[in-house]
Amino acid sequence: MSDSLPIVAVLGGTGDLGGGLAYQLAKAGYPVIIGSRGEEKARDSAKALSERVGTSVDGRENSMAATIAEVVIMTVPFASHEGTLKSVRDAVQGKIFVDATVPLVPPKVARVQLPADGPAAKQSQSFLGENVRVVSAFQNIAAAHLQSDDGHHNDCDVLVSGNDPEAREVVVKLAQDVGLRAWHAGAIDNSVVAEAMTSVLIFLNKRYKINGAGLRITGEPGSAG
């Protein structure tokens, strides 16, 4: 990957989380492509985002967005997880693929209901193959914070897990560039923590009337030495 900022495709970029991530990335200077199942919808969202940030944002059908991009972020609902993976499998070979999917099962979204086959990100790694460097990230940030300019997304930490440390580092830097504090969180198996925590955060939001609860890792790197 070049020293310049990579082209990032956000699959599901017309949704709340994807739209928020696309907004923050575009603000940070990343070349952004909004992906959607329908190209017209993607282009409409890209046009609106371009006007908001004052820079050019592209909009494409998911597979074409993934073909053009160097880093691909998938932010689709869990019900669309398998279908989206099938549609972009060939396009993401050799690339970093960030899975932000949370296996929520309506209507009980405040209850952890992990798939029998393991966390969504691990399923993505298995399906896409070892030539794709799958990274899990961004599950625990409220979409409203990412879409806003109030700075509250800075209060949230990001757990970044994946089997390839260099790919994790790319995503850690990407998160830092949009104002988030990100942490290497180990192998892709550990994505189960971030995926499950989302339901807990939803419960906390409802129980305590919190406007978008997030995670914060206490302590400072190097403080133990």
C-alpha atoms as a PDB file:
ATOM      1  CA  MET A   1       0.000   0.000   0.000  1.00  0.00           C
ATOM      2  CA  SER A   2       1.349   3.456  -0.901  1.00  0.00           C
ATOM      3  CA  ASP A   3       2.325   6.157   1.597  1.00  0.00           C
ATOM      4  CA  SER A   4      -0.645   8.254   0.468  1.00  0.00           C
ATOM      5  CA  LEU A   5      -4.035   7.698   2.038  1.00  0.00           C
ATOM      6  CA  PRO A   6      -5.696   4.581   0.600  1.00  0.00           C
ATOM      7  CA  ILE A   7      -8.993   4.638  -1.253  1.00  0.00           C
ATOM      8  CA  VAL A   8     -11.650   3.375   1.170  1.00  0.00           C
ATOM      9  CA  ALA A   9     -14.954   1.830   0.111  1.00  0.00           C
ATOM     10  CA  VAL A  10     -17.726   1.767   2.703  1.00  0.00           C
ATOM     11  CA  LEU A  11     -20.169  -0.998   1.781  1.00  0.00           C
ATOM     12  CA  GLY A  12     -23.509  -0.119   3.281  1.00  0.00           C
ATOM     13  CA  GLY A  13     -22.397   3.504   3.215  1.00  0.00           C
ATOM     14  CA  THR A  14     -25.974   4.677   2.720  1.00  0.00           C
ATOM     15  CA  GLY A  15     -26.879   3.425   6.210  1.00  0.00           C
ATOM     16  CA  ASP A  16     -26.381   5.101   9.580  1.00  0.00           C
ATOM     17  CA  LEU A  17     -23.051   3.582  10.636  1.00  0.00           C
ATOM     18  CA  GLY A  18     -21.611   3.430   7.142  1.00  0.00           C
ATOM     19  CA  GLY A  19     -22.679   6.972   6.386  1.00  0.00           C
ATOM     20  CA  GLY A  20     -21.088   8.194   9.597  1.00  0.00           C
ATOM     21  CA  LEU A  21     -17.813   6.442   8.876  1.00  0.00           C
ATOM     22  CA  ALA A  22     -17.797   7.744   5.296  1.00  0.00           C
ATOM     23  CA  TYR A  23     -18.355  11.271   6.600  1.00  0.00           C
ATOM     24  CA  GLN A  24     -15.504  11.115   9.104  1.00  0.00           C
ATOM     25  CA  LEU A  25     -13.150   9.520   6.568  1.00  0.00           C
ATOM     26  CA  ALA A  26     -13.929  12.115   3.920  1.00  0.00           C
ATOM     27  CA  LYS A  27     -13.396  14.898   6.460  1.00  0.00           C
ATOM     28  CA  ALA A  28     -10.007  13.383   7.296  1.00  0.00           C
ATOM     29  CA  GLY A  29      -8.975  13.527   3.640  1.00  0.00           C
ATOM     30  CA  TYR A  30      -9.448   9.889   2.633  1.00  0.00           C
ATOM     31  CA  PRO A  31     -10.700   9.170  -0.898  1.00  0.00           C
ATOM     32  CA  VAL A  32     -14.095   7.587  -0.164  1.00  0.00           C
ATOM     33  CA  ILE A  33     -16.435   5.436  -2.225  1.00  0.00           C
ATOM     34  CA  ILE A  34     -19.913   4.791  -0.873  1.00  0.00           C
ATOM     35  CA  GLY A  35     -21.116   1.317  -1.754  1.00  0.00           C
ATOM     36  CA  SER A  36     -24.684   0.078  -1.873  1.00  0.00           C
ATOM     37  CA  ARG A  37     -26.657  -2.732  -3.491  1.00  0.00           C
ATOM     38  CA  GLY A  38     -28.133  -0.115  -5.800  1.00  0.00           C
ATOM     39  CA  GLU A  39     -25.794   2.236  -7.662  1.00  0.00           C
ATOM     40  CA  GLU A  40     -28.329   5.060  -7.890  1.00  0.00           C
ATOM     41  CA  LYS A  41     -28.783   5.080  -4.130  1.00  0.00           C
ATOM     42  CA  ALA A  42     -25.015   5.049  -3.654  1.00  0.00           C
ATOM     43  CA  ARG A  43     -24.532   7.967  -6.034  1.00  0.00           C
ATOM     44  CA  ASP A  44     -27.268   9.995  -4.338  1.00  0.00           C
ATOM     45  CA  SER A  45     -25.641   9.481  -0.925  1.00  0.00           C
ATOM     46  CA  ALA A  46     -22.209  10.285  -2.358  1.00  0.00           C
ATOM     47  CA  LYS A  47     -23.507  13.527  -3.869  1.00  0.00           C
ATOM     48  CA  ALA A  48     -25.021  14.601  -0.543  1.00  0.00           C
ATOM     49  CA  LEU A  49     -21.818  13.773   1.303  1.00  0.00           C
ATOM     50  CA  SER A  50     -19.706  15.598  -1.282  1.00  0.00           C
ATOM     51  CA  GLU A  51     -21.772  18.728  -0.705  1.00  0.00           C
ATOM     52  CA  ARG A  52     -21.442  18.381   3.058  1.00  0.00           C
ATOM     53  CA  VAL A  53     -17.673  17.943   3.215  1.00  0.00           C
ATOM     54  CA  GLY A  54     -16.744  20.011   0.180  1.00  0.00           C
ATOM     55  CA  THR A  55     -14.776  17.256  -1.511  1.00  0.00           C
ATOM     56  CA  SER A  56     -15.528  14.629  -4.151  1.00  0.00           C
ATOM     57  CA  VAL A  57     -17.053  11.366  -2.880  1.00  0.00           C
ATOM     58  CA  ASP A  58     -17.821   8.544  -5.293  1.00  0.00           C
ATOM     59  CA  GLY A  59     -20.832   6.235  -5.199  1.00  0.00           C
ATOM     60  CA  ARG A  60     -20.919   2.737  -6.708  1.00  0.00           C
ATOM     61  CA  GLU A  61     -22.623  -0.623  -6.499  1.00  0.00           C
ATOM     62  CA  ASN A  62     -20.933  -2.698  -3.781  1.00  0.00           C
ATOM     63  CA  SER A  63     -18.857  -4.985  -5.973  1.00  0.00           C
ATOM     64  CA  MET A  64     -17.551  -2.120  -8.111  1.00  0.00           C
ATOM     65  CA  ALA A  65     -16.780  -0.031  -5.019  1.00  0.00           C
ATOM     66  CA  ALA A  66     -14.807  -2.962  -3.602  1.00  0.00           C
ATOM     67  CA  THR A  67     -12.958  -3.416  -6.900  1.00  0.00           C
ATOM     68  CA  ILE A  68     -11.746   0.190  -6.968  1.00  0.00           C
ATOM     69  CA  ALA A  69     -10.862   0.516  -3.271  1.00  0.00           C
ATOM     70  CA  GLU A  70      -7.687  -0.511  -1.449  1.00  0.00           C
ATOM     71  CA  VAL A  71      -9.416  -0.877   1.919  1.00  0.00           C
ATOM     72  CA  VAL A  72     -13.014  -2.105   2.119  1.00  0.00           C
ATOM     73  CA  ILE A  73     -15.232  -1.533   5.165  1.00  0.00           C
ATOM     74  CA  MET A  74     -18.481  -3.491   5.429  1.00  0.00           C
ATOM     75  CA  THR A  75     -21.194  -1.915   7.587  1.00  0.00           C
ATOM     76  CA  VAL A  76     -24.282  -3.829   6.489  1.00  0.00           C
ATOM     77  CA  PRO A  77     -26.937  -5.351   8.806  1.00  0.00           C
ATOM     78  CA  PHE A  78     -26.279  -8.942   9.829  1.00  0.00           C
ATOM     79  CA  ALA A  79     -29.172 -10.114   7.644  1.00  0.00           C
ATOM     80  CA  SER A  80     -27.196  -8.847   4.621  1.00  0.00           C
ATOM     81  CA  HIS A  81     -23.821 -10.155   5.798  1.00  0.00           C
ATOM     82  CA  GLU A  82     -23.653 -13.372   3.786  1.00  0.00           C
ATOM     83  CA  GLY A  83     -25.107 -11.900   0.630  1.00  0.00           C
ATOM     84  CA  THR A  84     -22.722  -8.950   0.649  1.00  0.00           C
ATOM     85  CA  LEU A  85     -19.717 -11.217   1.178  1.00  0.00           C
ATOM     86  CA  LYS A  86     -20.745 -13.322  -1.828  1.00  0.00           C
ATOM     87  CA  SER A  87     -21.127 -10.244  -4.008  1.00  0.00           C
ATOM     88  CA  VAL A  88     -17.638  -8.869  -3.263  1.00  0.00           C
ATOM     89  CA  ARG A  89     -15.600 -12.030  -2.686  1.00  0.00           C
ATOM     90  CA  ASP A  90     -13.623 -11.781  -5.917  1.00  0.00           C
ATOM     91  CA  ALA A  91     -13.238  -8.006  -5.690  1.00  0.00           C
ATOM     92  CA  VAL A  92     -11.567  -7.998  -2.252  1.00  0.00           C
ATOM     93  CA  GLN A  93      -8.881 -10.602  -2.886  1.00  0.00           C
ATOM     94  CA  GLY A  94      -5.491  -9.307  -1.755  1.00  0.00           C
ATOM     95  CA  LYS A  95      -7.052  -6.402   0.152  1.00  0.00           C
ATOM     96  CA  ILE A  96      -7.801  -5.363   3.719  1.00  0.00           C
ATOM     97  CA  PHE A  97     -11.446  -6.055   4.501  1.00  0.00           C
ATOM     98  CA  VAL A  98     -12.852  -4.425   7.639  1.00  0.00           C
ATOM     99  CA  ASP A  99     -15.963  -6.104   9.023  1.00  0.00           C
ATOM    100  CA  ALA A 100     -18.026  -3.859  11.298  1.00  0.00           C
ATOM    101  CA  THR A 101     -21.010  -6.203  11.302  1.00  0.00           C
ATOM    102  CA  VAL A 102     -22.843  -6.896  14.529  1.00  0.00           C
ATOM    103  CA  PRO A 103     -24.951 -10.090  14.724  1.00  0.00           C
ATOM    104  CA  LEU A 104     -28.058  -8.397  16.101  1.00  0.00           C
ATOM    105  CA  VAL A 105     -31.254 -10.447  15.920  1.00  0.00           C
ATOM    106  CA  PRO A 106     -34.373  -8.237  16.100  1.00  0.00           C
ATOM    107  CA  PRO A 107     -36.420  -7.658  18.073  1.00  0.00           C
ATOM    108  CA  LYS A 108     -34.156  -8.617  21.010  1.00  0.00           C
ATOM    109  CA  VAL A 109     -31.177  -6.504  19.959  1.00  0.00           C
ATOM    110  CA  ALA A 110     -30.215  -5.787  23.574  1.00  0.00           C
ATOM    111  CA  ARG A 111     -29.503  -9.497  24.133  1.00  0.00           C
ATOM    112  CA  VAL A 112     -26.278 -11.125  22.957  1.00  0.00           C
ATOM    113  CA  GLN A 113     -27.137 -13.726  20.292  1.00  0.00           C
ATOM    114  CA  LEU A 114     -23.906 -14.818  18.652  1.00  0.00           C
ATOM    115  CA  PRO A 115     -24.098 -17.087  15.586  1.00  0.00           C
ATOM    116  CA  ALA A 116     -23.454 -20.783  16.112  1.00  0.00           C
ATOM    117  CA  ASP A 117     -20.623 -20.565  13.556  1.00  0.00           C
ATOM    118  CA  GLY A 118     -18.767 -17.951  15.590  1.00  0.00           C
ATOM    119  CA  PRO A 119     -18.387 -14.163  15.329  1.00  0.00           C
ATOM    120  CA  ALA A 120     -19.346 -12.470  12.072  1.00  0.00           C
ATOM    121  CA  ALA A 121     -15.801 -11.265  11.333  1.00  0.00           C
ATOM    122  CA  LYS A 122     -14.394 -14.776  11.727  1.00  0.00           C
ATOM    123  CA  GLN A 123     -17.050 -16.048   9.333  1.00  0.00           C
ATOM    124  CA  SER A 124     -15.923 -13.378   6.874  1.00  0.00           C
ATOM    125  CA  GLN A 125     -12.306 -14.515   7.128  1.00  0.00           C
ATOM    126  CA  SER A 126     -13.313 -18.126   6.555  1.00  0.00           C
ATOM    127  CA  PHE A 127     -15.516 -17.310   3.568  1.00  0.00           C
ATOM    128  CA  LEU A 128     -13.215 -14.808   1.846  1.00  0.00           C
ATOM    129  CA  GLY A 129     -10.085 -16.918   2.306  1.00  0.00           C
ATOM    130  CA  GLU A 130      -6.562 -16.321   3.537  1.00  0.00           C
ATOM    131  CA  ASN A 131      -5.717 -14.004   0.638  1.00  0.00           C
ATOM    132  CA  VAL A 132      -8.004 -11.404   2.238  1.00  0.00           C
ATOM    133  CA  ARG A 133      -6.814  -9.735   5.433  1.00  0.00           C
ATOM    134  CA  VAL A 134     -10.007  -9.443   7.470  1.00  0.00           C
ATOM    135  CA  VAL A 135     -10.029  -6.982  10.353  1.00  0.00           C
ATOM    136  CA  SER A 136     -12.832  -6.440  12.865  1.00  0.00           C
ATOM    137  CA  ALA A 137     -13.483  -2.852  14.008  1.00  0.00           C
ATOM    138  CA  PHE A 138     -16.008  -0.026  14.599  1.00  0.00           C
ATOM    139  CA  GLN A 139     -18.841  -2.095  16.114  1.00  0.00           C
ATOM    140  CA  ASN A 140     -19.087  -0.136  19.376  1.00  0.00           C
ATOM    141  CA  ILE A 141     -19.404   3.451  18.147  1.00  0.00           C
ATOM    142  CA  ALA A 142     -22.826   5.074  17.996  1.00  0.00           C
ATOM    143  CA  ALA A 143     -23.655   5.992  14.417  1.00  0.00           C
ATOM    144  CA  ALA A 144     -25.130   9.307  15.535  1.00  0.00           C
ATOM    145  CA  HIS A 145     -21.764  10.340  17.003  1.00  0.00           C
ATOM    146  CA  LEU A 146     -19.992   9.606  13.723  1.00  0.00           C
ATOM    147  CA  GLN A 147     -22.540  11.575  11.733  1.00  0.00           C
ATOM    148  CA  SER A 148     -22.286  14.589  14.020  1.00  0.00           C
ATOM    149  CA  ASP A 149     -19.695  17.312  14.460  1.00  0.00           C
ATOM    150  CA  ASP A 150     -20.158  17.411  18.228  1.00  0.00           C
ATOM    151  CA  GLY A 151     -16.910  15.500  18.837  1.00  0.00           C
ATOM    152  CA  HIS A 152     -18.528  12.786  20.960  1.00  0.00           C
ATOM    153  CA  HIS A 153     -17.079  10.047  18.755  1.00  0.00           C
ATOM    154  CA  ASN A 154     -13.701  11.014  20.244  1.00  0.00           C
ATOM    155  CA  ASP A 155     -14.915   9.562  23.559  1.00  0.00           C
ATOM    156  CA  CYS A 156     -15.135   6.053  22.084  1.00  0.00           C
ATOM    157  CA  ASP A 157     -12.296   3.547  21.786  1.00  0.00           C
ATOM    158  CA  VAL A 158     -12.098   1.008  18.971  1.00  0.00           C
ATOM    159  CA  LEU A 159     -11.053  -2.625  19.401  1.00  0.00           C
ATOM    160  CA  VAL A 160      -9.231  -3.802  16.280  1.00  0.00           C
ATOM    161  CA  SER A 161      -8.789  -7.548  15.850  1.00  0.00           C
ATOM    162  CA  GLY A 162      -7.478  -9.633  12.965  1.00  0.00           C
ATOM    163  CA  ASN A 163      -4.916 -12.290  12.158  1.00  0.00           C
ATOM    164  CA  ASP A 164      -2.557  -9.950  10.285  1.00  0.00           C
ATOM    165  CA  PRO A 165      -0.850  -7.365  12.561  1.00  0.00           C
ATOM    166  CA  GLU A 166       0.085  -5.112   9.630  1.00  0.00           C
ATOM    167  CA  ALA A 167      -3.522  -5.010   8.441  1.00  0.00           C
ATOM    168  CA  ARG A 168      -4.639  -4.209  11.980  1.00  0.00           C
ATOM    169  CA  GLU A 169      -2.153  -1.351  12.069  1.00  0.00           C
ATOM    170  CA  VAL A 170      -3.611   0.147   8.885  1.00  0.00           C
ATOM    171  CA  VAL A 171      -7.056   0.133  10.507  1.00  0.00           C
ATOM    172  CA  VAL A 172      -5.709   1.491  13.799  1.00  0.00           C
ATOM    173  CA  LYS A 173      -4.200   4.434  11.900  1.00  0.00           C
ATOM    174  CA  LEU A 174      -7.397   4.935   9.917  1.00  0.00           C
ATOM    175  CA  ALA A 175      -9.384   5.106  13.166  1.00  0.00           C
ATOM    176  CA  GLN A 176      -6.884   7.515  14.703  1.00  0.00           C
ATOM    177  CA  ASP A 177      -7.043   9.752  11.642  1.00  0.00           C
ATOM    178  CA  VAL A 178     -10.775  10.290  12.216  1.00  0.00           C
ATOM    179  CA  GLY A 179     -10.255  11.124  15.889  1.00  0.00           C
ATOM    180  CA  LEU A 180     -10.766   7.738  17.524  1.00  0.00           C
ATOM    181  CA  ARG A 181      -8.442   5.947  19.927  1.00  0.00           C
ATOM    182  CA  ALA A 182      -7.864   2.440  18.579  1.00  0.00           C
ATOM    183  CA  TRP A 183      -6.248  -0.631  20.110  1.00  0.00           C
ATOM    184  CA  HIS A 184      -4.811  -3.844  18.708  1.00  0.00           C
ATOM    185  CA  ALA A 185      -7.086  -6.489  20.245  1.00  0.00           C
ATOM    186  CA  GLY A 186      -5.536  -9.714  18.954  1.00  0.00           C
ATOM    187  CA  ALA A 187      -6.618 -12.372  16.477  1.00  0.00           C
ATOM    188  CA  ILE A 188      -9.901 -12.423  14.561  1.00  0.00           C
ATOM    189  CA  ASP A 189     -11.372 -14.820  17.147  1.00  0.00           C
ATOM    190  CA  ASN A 190     -11.360 -11.907  19.602  1.00  0.00           C
ATOM    191  CA  SER A 191     -13.870 -10.021  17.475  1.00  0.00           C
ATOM    192  CA  VAL A 192     -16.488 -11.878  19.495  1.00  0.00           C
ATOM    193  CA  VAL A 193     -15.953  -9.341  22.305  1.00  0.00           C
ATOM    194  CA  ALA A 194     -16.743  -6.231  20.254  1.00  0.00           C
ATOM    195  CA  GLU A 195     -19.652  -7.924  18.506  1.00  0.00           C
ATOM    196  CA  ALA A 196     -21.228  -9.112  21.750  1.00  0.00           C
ATOM    197  CA  MET A 197     -20.565  -5.821  23.557  1.00  0.00           C
ATOM    198  CA  THR A 198     -22.784  -3.963  21.102  1.00  0.00           C
ATOM    199  CA  SER A 199     -25.910  -5.572  22.538  1.00  0.00           C
ATOM    200  CA  VAL A 200     -24.743  -4.680  26.046  1.00  0.00           C
ATOM    201  CA  LEU A 201     -24.231  -1.051  25.012  1.00  0.00           C
ATOM    202  CA  ILE A 202     -27.713  -0.969  23.481  1.00  0.00           C
ATOM    203  CA  PHE A 203     -29.100  -2.220  26.797  1.00  0.00           C
ATOM    204  CA  LEU A 204     -27.134   0.437  28.722  1.00  0.00           C
ATOM    205  CA  ASN A 205     -28.385   3.181  26.433  1.00  0.00           C
ATOM    206  CA  LYS A 206     -31.971   2.154  27.087  1.00  0.00           C
ATOM    207  CA  ARG A 207     -31.640   1.444  30.812  1.00  0.00           C
ATOM    208  CA  TYR A 208     -29.706   4.595  31.699  1.00  0.00           C
ATOM    209  CA  LYS A 209     -30.910   6.884  28.900  1.00  0.00           C
ATOM    210  CA  ILE A 210     -27.380   7.359  27.527  1.00  0.00           C
ATOM    211  CA  ASN A 211     -26.943   9.056  24.190  1.00  0.00           C
ATOM    212  CA  GLY A 212     -24.688   6.489  22.542  1.00  0.00           C
ATOM    213  CA  ALA A 213     -22.625   4.613  25.134  1.00  0.00           C
ATOM    214  CA  GLY A 214     -19.183   3.440  24.010  1.00  0.00           C
ATOM    215  CA  LEU A 215     -16.055   1.704  25.257  1.00  0.00           C
ATOM    216  CA  ARG A 216     -13.051   3.276  26.953  1.00  0.00           C
ATOM    217  CA  ILE A 217      -9.871   1.336  27.718  1.00  0.00           C
ATOM    218  CA  THR A 218      -8.321   2.546  30.958  1.00  0.00           C
ATOM    219  CA  GLY A 219      -4.580   2.856  31.531  1.00  0.00           C
ATOM    220  CA  GLU A 220      -1.828   4.128  29.272  1.00  0.00           C
ATOM    221  CA  PRO A 221       0.538   2.118  27.057  1.00  0.00           C
ATOM    222  CA  GLY A 222       3.852   1.558  28.792  1.00  0.00           C
ATOM    223  CA  SER A 223       2.517   2.397  32.254  1.00  0.00           C
ATOM    224  CA  ALA A 224       3.299  -1.127  33.506  1.00  0.00           C
ATOM    225  CA  GLY A 225       6.972  -0.830  32.631  1.00  0.00           C
END
